[in-house]
């Protein structure tokens, strides 16, 4: 039942929303990420030397978040449902 409602929501957004903008921004952002992958993943933020997010927030944390976020989300959804 939940998958059906998700597809309905996506369909409503595509039909009633600004479909042209959605498709343009999706293709543009995917292309930008592919073109600038090396630059974006090796950014050292030289203009703000006190900002050390790149040293603290390593790729290991990114990958852990990407892997565990859906699992934790499903767990919380089941806990909320009862």
Protein backbone atom coordinates (compact mmCIF):
# COMPACT_ATOMS: atom_id res chain seq x y z
CA UNK A 1 0.00 0.00 0.00
CA UNK A 2 2.77 2.45 0.80
CA UNK A 3 4.55 1.89 -2.50
CA UNK A 4 1.35 2.59 -4.38
CA UNK A 5 0.85 5.87 -2.50
CA UNK A 6 4.47 6.85 -3.20
CA UNK A 7 3.93 6.29 -6.91
CA UNK A 8 0.75 8.35 -6.74
CA UNK A 9 2.65 11.19 -5.06
CA UNK A 10 5.42 11.06 -7.67
CA UNK A 11 2.81 10.98 -10.45
CA UNK A 12 0.98 13.96 -8.98
CA UNK A 13 4.21 15.94 -8.70
CA UNK A 14 5.12 15.15 -12.30
CA UNK A 15 1.66 15.94 -13.65
CA UNK A 16 0.76 18.95 -11.51
CA UNK A 17 4.25 20.27 -10.86
CA UNK A 18 6.63 22.12 -13.09
CA UNK A 19 7.79 19.07 -15.06
CA UNK A 20 10.08 21.05 -17.34
CA UNK A 21 11.96 22.51 -14.36
CA UNK A 22 12.17 19.12 -12.63
CA UNK A 23 13.69 17.41 -15.67
CA UNK A 24 16.08 20.28 -16.41
CA UNK A 25 17.39 20.57 -12.85
CA UNK A 26 17.75 16.78 -12.53
CA UNK A 27 19.76 16.38 -15.72
CA UNK A 28 21.81 19.51 -14.99
CA UNK A 29 22.72 18.42 -11.46
CA UNK A 30 23.65 14.88 -12.56
CA UNK A 31 25.82 16.27 -15.35
CA UNK A 32 27.45 18.79 -13.00
CA UNK A 33 28.28 16.07 -10.49
CA UNK A 34 29.76 13.83 -13.20
CA UNK A 35 31.80 16.69 -14.70
CA UNK A 36 33.10 18.00 -11.38
CA UNK A 37 33.39 14.79 -9.37
CA UNK A 38 37.14 15.05 -8.71
CA UNK A 39 36.96 18.75 -7.86
CA UNK A 40 34.03 18.35 -5.51
CA UNK A 41 35.48 15.34 -3.69
CA UNK A 42 38.95 16.86 -3.20
CA UNK A 43 37.89 20.38 -2.19
CA UNK A 44 40.10 21.65 0.62
CA UNK A 45 38.41 25.04 1.19
CA UNK A 46 41.60 27.11 0.98
CA UNK A 47 39.72 30.41 1.31
CA UNK A 48 38.65 29.57 4.88
CA UNK A 49 41.69 27.98 6.56
CA UNK A 50 39.95 27.65 9.95
CA UNK A 51 37.17 25.58 8.39
CA UNK A 52 38.31 21.96 8.73
CA UNK A 53 35.13 20.10 7.77
CA UNK A 54 37.00 18.09 5.16
CA UNK A 55 39.33 16.68 7.81
CA UNK A 56 36.53 15.84 10.23
CA UNK A 57 33.87 14.65 7.79
CA UNK A 58 35.69 11.94 5.85
CA UNK A 59 34.29 9.73 3.10
CA UNK A 60 33.87 6.92 5.64
CA UNK A 61 31.20 8.96 7.44
CA UNK A 62 29.51 9.85 4.14
CA UNK A 63 29.33 6.23 3.07
CA UNK A 64 28.12 5.10 6.49
CA UNK A 65 25.37 7.69 6.42
CA UNK A 66 24.30 6.71 2.90
CA UNK A 67 24.21 3.02 3.83
CA UNK A 68 22.51 3.30 7.22
CA UNK A 69 20.09 6.19 6.62
CA UNK A 70 17.46 4.06 4.81
CA UNK A 71 17.78 1.28 7.40
CA UNK A 72 17.31 3.69 10.29
CA UNK A 73 14.46 5.38 8.45
CA UNK A 74 12.66 2.07 7.98
CA UNK A 75 13.26 1.19 11.63
CA UNK A 76 11.82 4.50 12.83
CA UNK A 77 8.87 4.14 10.48
CA UNK A 78 8.08 0.70 11.91
CA UNK A 79 8.47 2.03 15.45
CA UNK A 80 6.10 4.87 14.66
CA UNK A 81 3.56 2.52 13.14
CA UNK A 82 3.57 0.33 16.20
